[in-house]
Amino acid sequence: MRILIVDDESGTRSTLQRLMAKLRNAKIDTASNGADGLKLARRHWYDLIITDYHMPKMDGIDLIYTLRQEGYEIPMVLISGDPIEGYAISAGANLFLQKPIDIDDLRIMLNRLGL
């Protein structure tokens, strides 16, 4: 399994990376903004992309929408402190998780996505 985590907050990236490593034996790549996340998503095959909403250069909604427009069908999860679940789903996210996120949230997410 290969996972891409995109978040401009280094603490959130490292926490998600640590928690996901506990749940799945996965190779985890990270990016600090949507534009870099888009480059990685185009370059590698991922089983899951987890992206923050508010980021410089390209936000998570634009990242998800762009990948969906390009035909990517892999599971994508938007995370945010803002209550924007409807907006996230309409942009193409499979799931929305509201921050703060803990290991139980991630376990439920993985089960719902069949991963």
C-alpha atoms as a PDB file:
ATOM      1  CA  MET A   1       0.000   0.000   0.000  1.00  0.00           C
ATOM      2  CA  ARG A   2       1.214   3.485  -0.858  1.00  0.00           C
ATOM      3  CA  ILE A   3      -0.291   6.618   0.706  1.00  0.00           C
ATOM      4  CA  LEU A   4       0.165  10.318  -0.050  1.00  0.00           C
ATOM      5  CA  ILE A   5      -0.395  12.805   2.787  1.00  0.00           C
ATOM      6  CA  VAL A   6      -0.655  16.463   1.769  1.00  0.00           C
ATOM      7  CA  ASP A   7      -0.724  19.116   4.503  1.00  0.00           C
ATOM      8  CA  ASP A   8       1.092  22.414   4.986  1.00  0.00           C
ATOM      9  CA  GLU A   9       1.442  21.856   8.750  1.00  0.00           C
ATOM     10  CA  SER A  10       4.494  19.696   9.406  1.00  0.00           C
ATOM     11  CA  GLY A  11       3.095  18.520  12.752  1.00  0.00           C
ATOM     12  CA  THR A  12      -0.087  17.255  11.122  1.00  0.00           C
ATOM     13  CA  ARG A  13       1.885  15.527   8.355  1.00  0.00           C
ATOM     14  CA  SER A  14       4.136  13.726  10.817  1.00  0.00           C
ATOM     15  CA  THR A  15       1.224  12.758  13.102  1.00  0.00           C
ATOM     16  CA  LEU A  16      -0.791  11.344  10.200  1.00  0.00           C
ATOM     17  CA  GLN A  17       2.282   9.553   8.903  1.00  0.00           C
ATOM     18  CA  ARG A  18       2.965   7.994  12.315  1.00  0.00           C
ATOM     19  CA  LEU A  19      -0.656   6.948  12.875  1.00  0.00           C
ATOM     20  CA  MET A  20      -1.074   5.494   9.383  1.00  0.00           C
ATOM     21  CA  ALA A  21       2.157   3.514   9.812  1.00  0.00           C
ATOM     22  CA  LYS A  22       0.652   1.962  12.965  1.00  0.00           C
ATOM     23  CA  LEU A  23      -2.478   0.931  11.068  1.00  0.00           C
ATOM     24  CA  ARG A  24      -1.044  -0.272   7.771  1.00  0.00           C
ATOM     25  CA  ASN A  25       2.277  -1.462   6.442  1.00  0.00           C
ATOM     26  CA  ALA A  26       2.497   1.284   3.847  1.00  0.00           C
ATOM     27  CA  LYS A  27       4.965   3.453   2.028  1.00  0.00           C
ATOM     28  CA  ILE A  28       3.945   7.002   2.902  1.00  0.00           C
ATOM     29  CA  ASP A  29       4.930  10.040   0.874  1.00  0.00           C
ATOM     30  CA  THR A  30       4.212  13.591   2.003  1.00  0.00           C
ATOM     31  CA  ALA A  31       3.858  17.008   0.420  1.00  0.00           C
ATOM     32  CA  SER A  32       3.524  20.423   2.062  1.00  0.00           C
ATOM     33  CA  ASN A  33       1.131  21.962  -0.474  1.00  0.00           C
ATOM     34  CA  GLY A  34      -1.386  20.961  -3.107  1.00  0.00           C
ATOM     35  CA  ALA A  35       0.847  21.772  -6.072  1.00  0.00           C
ATOM     36  CA  ASP A  36       3.587  19.433  -4.832  1.00  0.00           C
ATOM     37  CA  GLY A  37       0.951  16.840  -3.965  1.00  0.00           C
ATOM     38  CA  LEU A  38      -0.385  17.022  -7.513  1.00  0.00           C
ATOM     39  CA  LYS A  39       3.110  16.437  -8.921  1.00  0.00           C
ATOM     40  CA  LEU A  40       3.587  13.379  -6.697  1.00  0.00           C
ATOM     41  CA  ALA A  41       0.137  11.999  -7.527  1.00  0.00           C
ATOM     42  CA  ARG A  42       0.896  12.255 -11.231  1.00  0.00           C
ATOM     43  CA  ARG A  43       4.310  10.622 -10.791  1.00  0.00           C
ATOM     44  CA  HIS A  44       3.410   7.666  -8.525  1.00  0.00           C
ATOM     45  CA  TRP A  45       0.526   5.275  -8.029  1.00  0.00           C
ATOM     46  CA  TYR A  46      -1.202   5.717  -4.660  1.00  0.00           C
ATOM     47  CA  ASP A  47      -3.823   3.591  -2.969  1.00  0.00           C
ATOM     48  CA  LEU A  48      -4.985   6.579  -0.903  1.00  0.00           C
ATOM     49  CA  ILE A  49      -4.526  10.349  -0.818  1.00  0.00           C
ATOM     50  CA  ILE A  50      -5.236  12.298   2.374  1.00  0.00           C
ATOM     51  CA  THR A  51      -5.152  16.056   1.887  1.00  0.00           C
ATOM     52  CA  ASP A  52      -5.748  19.126   3.996  1.00  0.00           C
ATOM     53  CA  TYR A  53      -8.083  21.842   2.739  1.00  0.00           C
ATOM     54  CA  HIS A  54      -6.284  25.135   3.473  1.00  0.00           C
ATOM     55  CA  MET A  55      -2.789  25.148   1.933  1.00  0.00           C
ATOM     56  CA  PRO A  56      -0.628  27.510  -0.093  1.00  0.00           C
ATOM     57  CA  LYS A  57      -0.219  27.221  -3.870  1.00  0.00           C
ATOM     58  CA  MET A  58      -3.184  24.838  -4.288  1.00  0.00           C
ATOM     59  CA  ASP A  59      -5.789  23.860  -1.709  1.00  0.00           C
ATOM     60  CA  GLY A  60      -7.044  20.337  -1.105  1.00  0.00           C
ATOM     61  CA  ILE A  61     -10.349  20.884  -2.910  1.00  0.00           C
ATOM     62  CA  ASP A  62      -8.509  21.972  -6.064  1.00  0.00           C
ATOM     63  CA  LEU A  63      -6.120  19.037  -5.735  1.00  0.00           C
ATOM     64  CA  ILE A  64      -8.939  16.511  -5.510  1.00  0.00           C
ATOM     65  CA  TYR A  65     -10.996  18.170  -8.235  1.00  0.00           C
ATOM     66  CA  THR A  66      -8.009  18.302 -10.610  1.00  0.00           C
ATOM     67  CA  LEU A  67      -7.150  14.639 -10.076  1.00  0.00           C
ATOM     68  CA  ARG A  68     -10.786  13.604 -10.585  1.00  0.00           C
ATOM     69  CA  GLN A  69     -10.947  15.632 -13.808  1.00  0.00           C
ATOM     70  CA  GLU A  70      -7.820  13.794 -14.976  1.00  0.00           C
ATOM     71  CA  GLY A  71      -9.535  10.457 -14.362  1.00  0.00           C
ATOM     72  CA  TYR A  72      -7.982   9.375 -11.070  1.00  0.00           C
ATOM     73  CA  GLU A  73     -10.387   7.059  -9.245  1.00  0.00           C
ATOM     74  CA  ILE A  74      -8.302   6.249  -6.158  1.00  0.00           C
ATOM     75  CA  PRO A  75      -9.754   7.032  -2.728  1.00  0.00           C
ATOM     76  CA  MET A  76      -9.186  10.634  -1.636  1.00  0.00           C
ATOM     77  CA  VAL A  77      -9.956  12.018   1.808  1.00  0.00           C
ATOM     78  CA  LEU A  78     -10.153  15.723   2.640  1.00  0.00           C
ATOM     79  CA  ILE A  79      -9.298  16.834   6.165  1.00  0.00           C
ATOM     80  CA  SER A  80     -10.018  20.231   7.674  1.00  0.00           C
ATOM     81  CA  GLY A  81     -10.870  22.032  10.854  1.00  0.00           C
ATOM     82  CA  ASP A  82     -13.714  23.662   8.921  1.00  0.00           C
ATOM     83  CA  PRO A  83     -17.074  21.825   8.692  1.00  0.00           C
ATOM     84  CA  ILE A  84     -17.089  21.466   4.884  1.00  0.00           C
ATOM     85  CA  GLU A  85     -18.109  17.842   4.330  1.00  0.00           C
ATOM     86  CA  GLY A  86     -20.666  18.606   1.596  1.00  0.00           C
ATOM     87  CA  TYR A  87     -18.208  20.810  -0.264  1.00  0.00           C
ATOM     88  CA  ALA A  88     -15.494  18.143  -0.011  1.00  0.00           C
ATOM     89  CA  ILE A  89     -17.745  15.372  -1.321  1.00  0.00           C
ATOM     90  CA  SER A  90     -19.043  17.526  -4.192  1.00  0.00           C
ATOM     91  CA  ALA A  91     -15.431  18.201  -5.247  1.00  0.00           C
ATOM     92  CA  GLY A  92     -14.782  14.464  -5.475  1.00  0.00           C
ATOM     93  CA  ALA A  93     -13.546  13.427  -2.029  1.00  0.00           C
ATOM     94  CA  ASN A  94     -14.611   9.944  -0.958  1.00  0.00           C
ATOM     95  CA  LEU A  95     -14.650  10.984   2.692  1.00  0.00           C
ATOM     96  CA  PHE A  96     -14.206  14.035   4.883  1.00  0.00           C
ATOM     97  CA  LEU A  97     -12.545  14.001   8.302  1.00  0.00           C
ATOM     98  CA  GLN A  98     -12.743  16.970  10.627  1.00  0.00           C
ATOM     99  CA  LYS A  99      -9.619  17.892  12.597  1.00  0.00           C
ATOM    100  CA  PRO A 100      -8.401  16.997  15.114  1.00  0.00           C
ATOM    101  CA  ILE A 101      -8.008  13.436  13.825  1.00  0.00           C
ATOM    102  CA  ASP A 102      -7.061  10.467  15.966  1.00  0.00           C
ATOM    103  CA  ILE A 103      -6.150   6.858  15.250  1.00  0.00           C
ATOM    104  CA  ASP A 104      -9.771   5.708  15.619  1.00  0.00           C
ATOM    105  CA  ASP A 105     -10.878   8.186  12.930  1.00  0.00           C
ATOM    106  CA  LEU A 106      -8.210   6.780  10.602  1.00  0.00           C
ATOM    107  CA  ARG A 107      -9.140   3.159  11.400  1.00  0.00           C
ATOM    108  CA  ILE A 108     -12.801   3.889  10.575  1.00  0.00           C
ATOM    109  CA  MET A 109     -11.747   5.722   7.393  1.00  0.00           C
ATOM    110  CA  LEU A 110      -9.657   2.783   6.192  1.00  0.00           C
ATOM    111  CA  ASN A 111     -12.488   0.343   6.896  1.00  0.00           C
ATOM    112  CA  ARG A 112     -15.053   2.510   5.084  1.00  0.00           C
ATOM    113  CA  LEU A 113     -12.741   2.719   2.075  1.00  0.00           C
ATOM    114  CA  GLY A 114     -12.064  -1.015   2.108  1.00  0.00           C
ATOM    115  CA  LEU A 115      -8.356  -0.510   2.684  1.00  0.00           C
END
